[in-house]
Amino acid sequence: MPYKEKEIEKVYWSIGEVAEMLDLSFAQIRLWEKEFDVFQLKKNKKGDRYFTKKDIEQLKLIKFLLKEKKYTIKGAREQLKSKKPQTDSRFQTIEALKKIRQFLVELKEQI
């Protein structure tokens, strides 16, 4: 049986990687970290922030509420606390549709 290498999956991302991934500034991420108590960041001795997949998903959800749904920070905080399952479901549906759209656009360009 041939040897198959196990894929190495990242566990932590730096604030720079997350900012680039989500098209956000460092300042926005730091502000949201202070305003929303949903993050479980790891920090090293220097104070560098390290984000997990769960933290990145929370940032995506906050970005969705603030940028696309035009909530205020206070409104987004209340939305996350009160209707989390409904908010998560809508966000995940929109994210899935965006991925499908991206796939279809790439497929169209190949034809």
C-alpha atoms as a PDB file:
ATOM      1  CA  MET A   1       0.000   0.000   0.000  1.00  0.00           C
ATOM      2  CA  PRO A   2       1.539   3.348  -1.019  1.00  0.00           C
ATOM      3  CA  TYR A   3       2.423   5.874   1.621  1.00  0.00           C
ATOM      4  CA  LYS A   4       0.104   8.850   1.686  1.00  0.00           C
ATOM      5  CA  GLU A   5       1.300  11.994   3.346  1.00  0.00           C
ATOM      6  CA  LYS A   6      -1.030  13.531   5.844  1.00  0.00           C
ATOM      7  CA  GLU A   7      -2.005  17.092   5.039  1.00  0.00           C
ATOM      8  CA  ILE A   8      -0.868  19.569   7.635  1.00  0.00           C
ATOM      9  CA  GLU A   9      -3.597  21.975   8.557  1.00  0.00           C
ATOM     10  CA  LYS A  10      -2.901  25.266  10.242  1.00  0.00           C
ATOM     11  CA  VAL A  11      -4.292  25.755  13.728  1.00  0.00           C
ATOM     12  CA  TYR A  12      -3.378  29.404  14.355  1.00  0.00           C
ATOM     13  CA  TRP A  13      -3.166  32.430  12.066  1.00  0.00           C
ATOM     14  CA  SER A  14      -1.487  35.763  12.814  1.00  0.00           C
ATOM     15  CA  ILE A  15      -3.409  39.033  12.725  1.00  0.00           C
ATOM     16  CA  GLY A  16      -1.652  39.914   9.454  1.00  0.00           C
ATOM     17  CA  GLU A  17      -2.783  36.694   7.793  1.00  0.00           C
ATOM     18  CA  VAL A  18      -6.334  37.178   9.031  1.00  0.00           C
ATOM     19  CA  ALA A  19      -6.424  40.818   7.922  1.00  0.00           C
ATOM     20  CA  GLU A  20      -5.300  39.847   4.434  1.00  0.00           C
ATOM     21  CA  MET A  21      -7.673  36.868   4.296  1.00  0.00           C
ATOM     22  CA  LEU A  22     -10.734  38.955   5.245  1.00  0.00           C
ATOM     23  CA  ASP A  23      -9.662  42.239   3.626  1.00  0.00           C
ATOM     24  CA  LEU A  24      -9.708  44.075   6.964  1.00  0.00           C
ATOM     25  CA  SER A  25      -7.250  46.392   8.653  1.00  0.00           C
ATOM     26  CA  PHE A  26      -5.384  45.496  11.829  1.00  0.00           C
ATOM     27  CA  ALA A  27      -7.225  48.319  13.585  1.00  0.00           C
ATOM     28  CA  GLN A  28     -10.649  46.921  12.647  1.00  0.00           C
ATOM     29  CA  ILE A  29      -9.732  43.488  13.948  1.00  0.00           C
ATOM     30  CA  ARG A  30      -8.378  44.905  17.215  1.00  0.00           C
ATOM     31  CA  LEU A  31     -11.491  47.065  17.664  1.00  0.00           C
ATOM     32  CA  TRP A  32     -13.831  44.137  17.066  1.00  0.00           C
ATOM     33  CA  GLU A  33     -11.777  42.031  19.466  1.00  0.00           C
ATOM     34  CA  LYS A  34     -12.448  44.622  22.185  1.00  0.00           C
ATOM     35  CA  GLU A  35     -16.105  45.229  21.295  1.00  0.00           C
ATOM     36  CA  PHE A  36     -17.211  41.600  20.909  1.00  0.00           C
ATOM     37  CA  ASP A  37     -16.559  39.006  23.595  1.00  0.00           C
ATOM     38  CA  VAL A  38     -16.766  35.998  21.259  1.00  0.00           C
ATOM     39  CA  PHE A  39     -13.044  35.550  20.628  1.00  0.00           C
ATOM     40  CA  GLN A  40     -10.740  33.110  22.372  1.00  0.00           C
ATOM     41  CA  LEU A  41      -7.448  34.450  21.080  1.00  0.00           C
ATOM     42  CA  LYS A  42      -4.093  33.057  22.036  1.00  0.00           C
ATOM     43  CA  LYS A  43      -1.328  35.551  22.703  1.00  0.00           C
ATOM     44  CA  ASN A  44       2.378  34.913  23.015  1.00  0.00           C
ATOM     45  CA  LYS A  45       4.736  36.639  25.459  1.00  0.00           C
ATOM     46  CA  LYS A  46       5.141  39.576  23.089  1.00  0.00           C
ATOM     47  CA  GLY A  47       1.365  40.030  22.920  1.00  0.00           C
ATOM     48  CA  ASP A  48       0.966  38.881  19.300  1.00  0.00           C
ATOM     49  CA  ARG A  49      -2.557  37.654  18.603  1.00  0.00           C
ATOM     50  CA  TYR A  50      -3.190  34.225  17.107  1.00  0.00           C
ATOM     51  CA  PHE A  51      -6.583  33.339  15.689  1.00  0.00           C
ATOM     52  CA  THR A  52      -8.213  29.907  15.384  1.00  0.00           C
ATOM     53  CA  LYS A  53     -10.699  28.822  12.703  1.00  0.00           C
ATOM     54  CA  LYS A  54     -13.526  29.582  15.118  1.00  0.00           C
ATOM     55  CA  ASP A  55     -12.207  33.121  15.684  1.00  0.00           C
ATOM     56  CA  ILE A  56     -11.936  33.675  11.928  1.00  0.00           C
ATOM     57  CA  GLU A  57     -15.517  32.465  11.428  1.00  0.00           C
ATOM     58  CA  GLN A  58     -16.653  34.902  14.129  1.00  0.00           C
ATOM     59  CA  LEU A  59     -14.788  37.727  12.372  1.00  0.00           C
ATOM     60  CA  LYS A  60     -16.459  36.801   9.075  1.00  0.00           C
ATOM     61  CA  LEU A  61     -19.861  36.874  10.770  1.00  0.00           C
ATOM     62  CA  ILE A  62     -19.151  40.242  12.406  1.00  0.00           C
ATOM     63  CA  LYS A  63     -17.925  41.633   9.083  1.00  0.00           C
ATOM     64  CA  PHE A  64     -21.123  40.372   7.432  1.00  0.00           C
ATOM     65  CA  LEU A  65     -23.309  42.045  10.059  1.00  0.00           C
ATOM     66  CA  LEU A  66     -21.413  45.341  10.055  1.00  0.00           C
ATOM     67  CA  LYS A  67     -20.483  45.746   6.392  1.00  0.00           C
ATOM     68  CA  GLU A  68     -23.260  43.979   4.477  1.00  0.00           C
ATOM     69  CA  LYS A  69     -26.215  44.189   6.846  1.00  0.00           C
ATOM     70  CA  LYS A  70     -25.164  47.702   8.004  1.00  0.00           C
ATOM     71  CA  TYR A  71     -25.611  46.994  11.712  1.00  0.00           C
ATOM     72  CA  THR A  72     -23.989  49.257  14.286  1.00  0.00           C
ATOM     73  CA  ILE A  73     -21.490  47.647  16.637  1.00  0.00           C
ATOM     74  CA  LYS A  74     -24.093  47.660  19.383  1.00  0.00           C
ATOM     75  CA  GLY A  75     -26.704  46.158  17.068  1.00  0.00           C
ATOM     76  CA  ALA A  76     -24.329  43.464  15.839  1.00  0.00           C
ATOM     77  CA  ARG A  77     -23.374  42.604  19.422  1.00  0.00           C
ATOM     78  CA  GLU A  78     -27.057  42.234  20.344  1.00  0.00           C
ATOM     79  CA  GLN A  79     -27.735  40.198  17.203  1.00  0.00           C
ATOM     80  CA  LEU A  80     -24.927  37.792  18.062  1.00  0.00           C
ATOM     81  CA  LYS A  81     -26.239  37.373  21.608  1.00  0.00           C
ATOM     82  CA  SER A  82     -29.957  37.079  20.878  1.00  0.00           C
ATOM     83  CA  LYS A  83     -30.393  35.266  17.568  1.00  0.00           C
ATOM     84  CA  LYS A  84     -27.137  33.432  17.108  1.00  0.00           C
ATOM     85  CA  PRO A  85     -28.494  30.243  15.476  1.00  0.00           C
ATOM     86  CA  GLN A  86     -30.601  32.195  12.963  1.00  0.00           C
ATOM     87  CA  THR A  87     -27.750  34.619  12.218  1.00  0.00           C
ATOM     88  CA  ASP A  88     -25.250  31.773  11.800  1.00  0.00           C
ATOM     89  CA  SER A  89     -27.598  29.910   9.481  1.00  0.00           C
ATOM     90  CA  ARG A  90     -28.140  32.910   7.213  1.00  0.00           C
ATOM     91  CA  PHE A  91     -24.437  33.707   7.163  1.00  0.00           C
ATOM     92  CA  GLN A  92     -23.487  30.120   6.296  1.00  0.00           C
ATOM     93  CA  THR A  93     -26.075  30.045   3.505  1.00  0.00           C
ATOM     94  CA  ILE A  94     -24.725  33.269   2.023  1.00  0.00           C
ATOM     95  CA  GLU A  95     -21.134  32.015   2.282  1.00  0.00           C
ATOM     96  CA  ALA A  96     -22.092  28.753   0.529  1.00  0.00           C
ATOM     97  CA  LEU A  97     -23.843  30.673  -2.246  1.00  0.00           C
ATOM     98  CA  LYS A  98     -20.792  32.912  -2.712  1.00  0.00           C
ATOM     99  CA  LYS A  99     -18.575  29.823  -3.099  1.00  0.00           C
ATOM    100  CA  ILE A 100     -20.969  28.341  -5.652  1.00  0.00           C
ATOM    101  CA  ARG A 101     -21.037  31.608  -7.571  1.00  0.00           C
ATOM    102  CA  GLN A 102     -17.237  31.770  -7.569  1.00  0.00           C
ATOM    103  CA  PHE A 103     -17.067  28.201  -8.886  1.00  0.00           C
ATOM    104  CA  LEU A 104     -19.564  28.972 -11.652  1.00  0.00           C
ATOM    105  CA  VAL A 105     -17.680  32.122 -12.669  1.00  0.00           C
ATOM    106  CA  GLU A 106     -14.431  30.152 -12.882  1.00  0.00           C
ATOM    107  CA  LEU A 107     -16.187  27.419 -14.868  1.00  0.00           C
ATOM    108  CA  LYS A 108     -17.616  29.992 -17.283  1.00  0.00           C
ATOM    109  CA  GLU A 109     -14.145  31.492 -17.835  1.00  0.00           C
ATOM    110  CA  GLN A 110     -12.755  28.065 -18.732  1.00  0.00           C
ATOM    111  CA  ILE A 111     -15.378  27.479 -21.415  1.00  0.00           C
END
